Protein backbone atom coordinates (compact mmCIF):
# COMPACT_ATOMS: atom_id res chain seq x y z
CA MET A 1 185.11 21.27 -147.53
CA THR A 2 185.75 20.16 -151.10
CA THR A 3 188.94 21.30 -152.78
CA THR A 4 188.95 21.50 -156.57
CA ALA A 5 191.82 20.44 -158.80
CA THR A 6 192.48 24.05 -159.81
CA GLU A 7 193.32 25.07 -156.25
CA GLY A 8 197.07 25.07 -155.77
CA ARG A 9 197.91 23.57 -159.16
CA ASP A 10 200.46 26.31 -159.88
CA LEU A 11 202.14 25.97 -156.48
CA PRO A 12 205.31 24.00 -155.86
CA SER A 13 204.43 20.40 -154.96
CA PRO A 14 204.74 20.74 -151.13
CA TRP A 15 202.30 23.64 -151.17
CA ARG A 16 199.96 21.96 -153.62
CA GLN A 17 199.65 19.04 -151.21
CA ARG A 18 199.05 21.38 -148.30
CA VAL A 19 196.24 23.19 -150.10
CA PHE A 20 194.59 19.79 -150.62
CA ASP A 21 195.25 18.88 -146.97
CA ARG A 22 193.46 22.06 -145.94
CA GLY A 23 190.50 20.97 -148.06
CA ARG A 24 190.40 17.70 -146.10
CA GLY A 25 190.31 19.62 -142.84
CA ALA A 26 193.96 19.19 -141.84
CA ASP A 27 195.47 21.63 -139.37
CA VAL A 28 197.77 24.00 -141.24
CA ALA A 29 198.79 26.16 -138.29
CA SER A 30 202.09 24.30 -138.04
CA TRP A 31 203.10 24.68 -141.70
CA PRO A 32 206.56 26.27 -141.78
CA LEU A 33 206.44 29.81 -143.12
CA SER A 34 209.97 29.39 -144.42
CA ASN A 35 208.54 27.20 -147.17
CA LEU A 36 206.71 30.22 -148.54
CA SER A 37 210.02 31.28 -150.03
CA ASP A 38 209.48 28.46 -152.53
CA VAL A 39 206.45 30.27 -153.92
CA SER A 40 207.97 33.54 -155.07
CA THR A 41 210.70 36.09 -154.62
CA SER A 42 210.69 39.61 -155.96
CA ARG A 43 212.82 40.69 -158.87
CA ALA A 44 215.21 42.28 -156.37
CA GLY A 45 215.65 38.97 -154.59
CA ALA A 46 213.40 39.74 -151.63
CA THR A 47 211.87 36.91 -149.66
CA SER A 48 208.13 36.29 -149.83
CA GLY A 49 206.11 38.57 -147.59
CA SER A 50 209.04 40.94 -146.96
CA GLY A 51 209.05 44.70 -147.30
CA ARG A 52 211.12 44.48 -150.49
CA MET A 53 208.62 42.09 -152.02
CA PHE A 54 205.87 44.66 -151.48
CA ASP A 55 208.10 47.40 -152.87
CA ALA A 56 207.88 45.55 -156.20
CA ILE A 57 204.08 45.85 -156.37
CA ALA A 58 203.59 49.15 -154.51
CA ARG A 59 202.53 51.27 -157.49
CA ARG A 60 199.50 49.16 -158.33
CA TYR A 61 198.76 47.79 -154.88
CA ASP A 62 195.63 49.87 -154.23
CA LEU A 63 194.13 49.19 -157.67
CA LEU A 64 194.80 45.48 -157.40
CA ASN A 65 193.24 45.32 -153.94
CA ARG A 66 190.05 46.97 -155.17
CA LEU A 67 189.77 44.75 -158.23
CA MET A 68 190.60 41.48 -156.50
CA SER A 69 188.34 42.10 -153.50
CA LEU A 70 185.57 43.47 -155.74
CA GLY A 71 185.80 46.71 -153.78
CA MET A 72 185.06 45.05 -150.44
CA ASP A 73 188.46 45.67 -148.84
CA GLN A 74 187.57 49.27 -147.95
CA ARG A 75 184.26 48.16 -146.45
CA TRP A 76 186.15 45.65 -144.30
CA ARG A 77 188.52 48.39 -143.14
CA ARG A 78 185.58 50.59 -142.14
CA LEU A 79 184.20 47.72 -140.07
CA ALA A 80 187.55 47.43 -138.32
CA VAL A 81 187.59 51.16 -137.53
CA ARG A 82 184.07 51.00 -136.06
CA ALA A 83 185.04 47.98 -133.95
CA LEU A 84 187.72 50.05 -132.18
CA GLU A 85 184.98 52.22 -130.58
CA LEU A 86 187.28 55.25 -130.47
CA ARG A 87 186.26 58.42 -128.66
CA GLY A 88 188.00 61.74 -128.15
CA PRO A 89 191.70 62.55 -128.68
CA VAL A 90 193.21 59.09 -129.09
CA ARG A 91 196.47 57.67 -130.46
CA VAL A 92 196.14 54.75 -132.86
CA LEU A 93 198.86 52.48 -134.19
CA ASP A 94 198.28 50.98 -137.64
CA LEU A 95 200.64 48.10 -138.40
CA ALA A 96 201.30 46.83 -141.94
CA THR A 97 199.89 50.21 -142.91
CA GLY A 98 201.01 49.82 -146.54
CA THR A 99 199.71 52.80 -148.50
CA ALA A 100 197.87 54.06 -145.38
CA ASP A 101 194.30 53.16 -146.33
CA LEU A 102 193.33 52.12 -142.81
CA ALA A 103 195.30 54.90 -141.14
CA LEU A 104 193.48 57.44 -143.31
CA LEU A 105 190.08 55.94 -142.50
CA VAL A 106 190.81 56.23 -138.78
CA ALA A 107 191.92 59.85 -139.12
CA GLU A 108 188.95 60.82 -141.29
CA ARG A 109 186.34 59.12 -139.10
CA HIS A 110 187.85 60.47 -135.86
CA PRO A 111 189.00 64.10 -136.28
CA GLU A 112 190.69 64.14 -132.85
CA ALA A 113 192.72 60.99 -133.47
CA ARG A 114 196.42 60.89 -134.21
CA VAL A 115 197.63 57.85 -136.15
CA VAL A 116 201.06 56.29 -136.51
CA GLY A 117 201.40 53.87 -139.42
CA VAL A 118 204.25 51.34 -139.50
CA ASP A 119 205.28 49.15 -142.43
CA PRO A 120 208.48 47.39 -143.58
CA SER A 121 208.06 48.50 -147.22
CA ALA A 122 209.66 51.84 -148.11
CA GLY A 123 207.87 51.86 -151.46
CA MET A 124 204.44 51.43 -149.93
CA LEU A 125 205.13 54.09 -147.31
CA GLU A 126 206.17 56.61 -149.97
CA LEU A 127 202.84 56.18 -151.73
CA GLY A 128 201.07 56.37 -148.39
CA ARG A 129 202.73 59.67 -147.55
CA ARG A 130 201.54 61.14 -150.84
CA LYS A 131 197.97 60.10 -150.02
CA VAL A 132 198.23 61.54 -146.52
CA GLU A 133 199.51 64.87 -147.83
CA ALA A 134 196.90 64.98 -150.60
CA ARG A 135 194.14 64.72 -147.98
CA GLY A 136 195.73 67.33 -145.75
CA LEU A 137 196.23 64.87 -142.89
CA ASP A 138 200.01 65.00 -142.53
CA GLY A 139 199.55 66.84 -139.22
CA ARG A 140 197.74 63.85 -137.69
CA VAL A 141 199.01 60.83 -139.63
CA GLU A 142 202.67 59.85 -139.38
CA LEU A 143 204.16 56.95 -141.34
CA GLN A 144 207.42 55.21 -140.51
CA ARG A 145 209.29 52.07 -141.43
CA GLY A 146 209.39 49.24 -138.94
CA ALA A 147 208.41 45.68 -138.02
CA ALA A 148 205.50 44.51 -135.89
CA GLU A 149 207.73 42.22 -133.81
CA ALA A 150 209.96 45.07 -132.56
CA LEU A 151 208.04 48.31 -132.10
CA PRO A 152 210.02 51.45 -131.17
CA PHE A 153 207.35 52.85 -128.85
CA PRO A 154 207.03 53.08 -125.05
CA ASP A 155 204.68 50.84 -123.10
CA ALA A 156 200.99 51.81 -123.11
CA SER A 157 201.55 54.62 -125.63
CA PHE A 158 198.51 53.89 -127.84
CA ASP A 159 194.77 53.67 -127.27
CA ALA A 160 194.20 51.17 -130.07
CA VAL A 161 196.06 49.07 -132.64
CA THR A 162 194.94 48.02 -136.11
CA MET A 163 196.41 45.69 -138.71
CA ALA A 164 194.84 44.91 -142.07
CA PHE A 165 196.02 41.99 -144.21
CA GLY A 166 199.47 41.87 -142.66
CA ILE A 167 199.59 39.47 -139.72
CA ARG A 168 199.94 36.42 -141.97
CA ASN A 169 203.22 37.91 -143.30
CA VAL A 170 204.72 38.17 -139.81
CA PRO A 171 207.00 35.20 -139.00
CA ASP A 172 206.52 35.52 -135.21
CA ARG A 173 202.80 36.28 -134.90
CA ALA A 174 202.62 35.63 -131.17
CA GLY A 175 205.62 37.92 -130.61
CA ALA A 176 203.98 40.66 -132.69
CA LEU A 177 200.72 40.32 -130.75
CA ARG A 178 202.64 40.66 -127.48
CA GLU A 179 204.35 43.78 -128.81
CA MET A 180 200.97 45.21 -129.80
CA ARG A 181 199.74 44.54 -126.27
CA ARG A 182 202.85 46.14 -124.75
CA VAL A 183 202.32 49.45 -126.55
CA THR A 184 198.55 49.52 -125.90
CA ARG A 185 197.08 50.96 -122.71
CA PRO A 186 195.00 48.59 -120.55
CA GLY A 187 191.48 48.46 -121.94
CA GLY A 188 192.60 49.62 -125.40
CA ARG A 189 191.32 47.77 -128.45
CA LEU A 190 192.87 45.68 -131.20
CA GLY A 191 191.35 45.20 -134.65
CA ILE A 192 192.96 42.73 -137.07
CA LEU A 193 191.68 42.01 -140.56
CA GLU A 194 193.10 38.99 -142.34
CA LEU A 195 192.36 36.95 -145.43
CA THR A 196 191.46 33.36 -144.60
CA GLU A 197 190.45 30.14 -146.32
CA PRO A 198 186.73 30.48 -147.24
CA GLY A 199 184.25 28.19 -145.51
CA ARG A 200 182.14 25.31 -146.73
CA GLY A 201 179.18 25.41 -149.09
CA ALA A 202 178.60 26.53 -152.65
CA LEU A 203 179.36 30.20 -151.96
CA GLY A 204 182.48 29.23 -150.04
CA ALA A 205 183.58 27.16 -153.05
CA LEU A 206 183.16 30.22 -155.28
CA ALA A 207 185.19 32.30 -152.86
CA ARG A 208 187.94 29.64 -152.80
CA ALA A 209 188.02 29.58 -156.60
CA HIS A 210 188.44 33.36 -156.54
CA VAL A 211 191.28 33.25 -153.98
CA HIS A 212 193.16 30.33 -155.53
CA GLY A 213 192.47 31.00 -159.18
CA ILE A 214 191.57 34.58 -160.03
CA VAL A 215 193.59 36.50 -157.42
CA PRO A 216 197.12 35.26 -158.29
CA ARG A 217 196.46 35.37 -162.03
CA LEU A 218 194.90 38.82 -162.04
CA GLY A 219 197.63 40.13 -159.76
CA ALA A 220 200.40 38.76 -161.97
CA LEU A 221 198.67 40.00 -165.12
CA LEU A 222 198.12 43.57 -163.95
CA SER A 223 201.31 43.99 -161.96
CA GLY A 224 203.62 42.12 -164.29
CA ALA A 225 205.08 40.38 -161.22
CA PRO A 226 204.80 36.90 -159.69
CA GLU A 227 204.42 38.13 -156.12
CA TYR A 228 200.66 37.58 -156.03
CA ARG A 229 201.18 33.82 -156.20
CA TYR A 230 202.57 34.23 -152.70
CA LEU A 231 199.19 35.62 -151.61
CA GLU A 232 197.42 32.38 -152.47
CA ALA A 233 199.91 30.25 -150.56
CA SER A 234 200.05 32.57 -147.55
CA ILE A 235 196.27 32.44 -147.15
CA ALA A 236 196.33 28.64 -147.27
CA ALA A 237 199.12 28.60 -144.66
CA PHE A 238 197.43 30.99 -142.23
CA PRO A 239 195.97 29.22 -139.17
CA ALA A 240 192.26 28.51 -139.00
CA PRO A 241 190.38 31.47 -137.44
CA ALA A 242 189.77 29.63 -134.16
CA SER A 243 193.47 28.80 -133.87
CA PHE A 244 194.59 32.37 -134.53
CA ALA A 245 191.94 33.68 -132.12
CA ALA A 246 193.44 31.42 -129.45
CA THR A 247 196.88 32.91 -130.14
CA VAL A 248 195.43 36.39 -129.69
CA GLY A 249 194.00 35.35 -126.33
CA GLU A 250 197.32 33.86 -125.22
CA SER A 251 199.21 37.08 -126.03
CA GLY A 252 197.76 39.43 -123.43
CA TRP A 253 194.47 40.18 -125.15
CA SER A 254 190.87 39.38 -124.21
CA LEU A 255 189.14 38.36 -127.43
CA THR A 256 185.92 40.29 -127.99
CA SER A 257 184.74 38.85 -131.30
CA THR A 258 185.75 36.92 -134.41
CA ARG A 259 183.66 37.94 -137.41
CA PRO A 260 183.76 36.11 -140.76
CA LEU A 261 183.32 38.30 -143.84
CA CYS A 262 182.51 37.33 -147.42
CA PHE A 263 181.81 33.63 -146.72
CA GLY A 264 184.92 33.37 -144.59
CA ALA A 265 187.34 34.80 -147.17
CA CYS A 266 188.25 37.42 -144.56
CA HIS A 267 187.96 37.59 -140.77
CA LEU A 268 187.87 40.52 -138.39
CA PHE A 269 189.41 39.75 -135.00
CA VAL A 270 188.61 42.24 -132.21
CA ALA A 271 190.21 42.13 -128.77
CA GLN A 272 190.76 44.30 -125.72
CA ALA A 273 194.04 44.76 -123.86
CA SER A 274 193.95 42.84 -120.60
CA GLU A 275 194.50 44.82 -117.41
CA ALA A 276 197.59 42.83 -116.46
CA ARG A 277 200.29 41.49 -118.80
């Protein structure tokens, strides 16, 4: 995979080198997430990837997602909902729910489903609640503040768990995956969407240019905040899909599929809760 000079040029020097290392095929799974704090902090002093950081961009989050993904983010969420294979009156947990896009898709596609959305950002959740109420789904969709690594729910209390574009922001991913397994009944499904480094080839190179060049600049321009530079670095730091899939399998889940989307710019990981933990 060829890495162009524009990729990572606005990152602090340690991250710039790591973006180039990724281009040479180096394993980035061991990069310390603490170094992401070098990339950006919110105006309120929040650390990168934290709930307070997302509070700073909450108002324009949905618009920016649509523009920067060229409208594909909602299509990816629909694929995740279909992969859950839900039937009947089920309970679904949506982690990193943000403004509740995925939680709403689950509730709308499955009229008997009840959804609990959890997110560390109070600002995002407030916008999500407005969307839930506007669609008349407040009786079936509940949003609350919390962290994926410490879920306040009993064992086996959900039939499925979803998480869209949030697992890379979790410091203890394996711990979060084990918590997801704990609260999921045996046989229940997990669907995780995450942005990843695009693959090889000409189209992959275009996708990389979009992620490393257009995304942080457009985000900063439209939001008036530097937080979107964090997005570029966090994608580069996220483990390769095969490595993350292995972590899923080591955390009490039986991996069902790993599906690349948009030339590898996004991956959908689907797993089933093992019978024994």
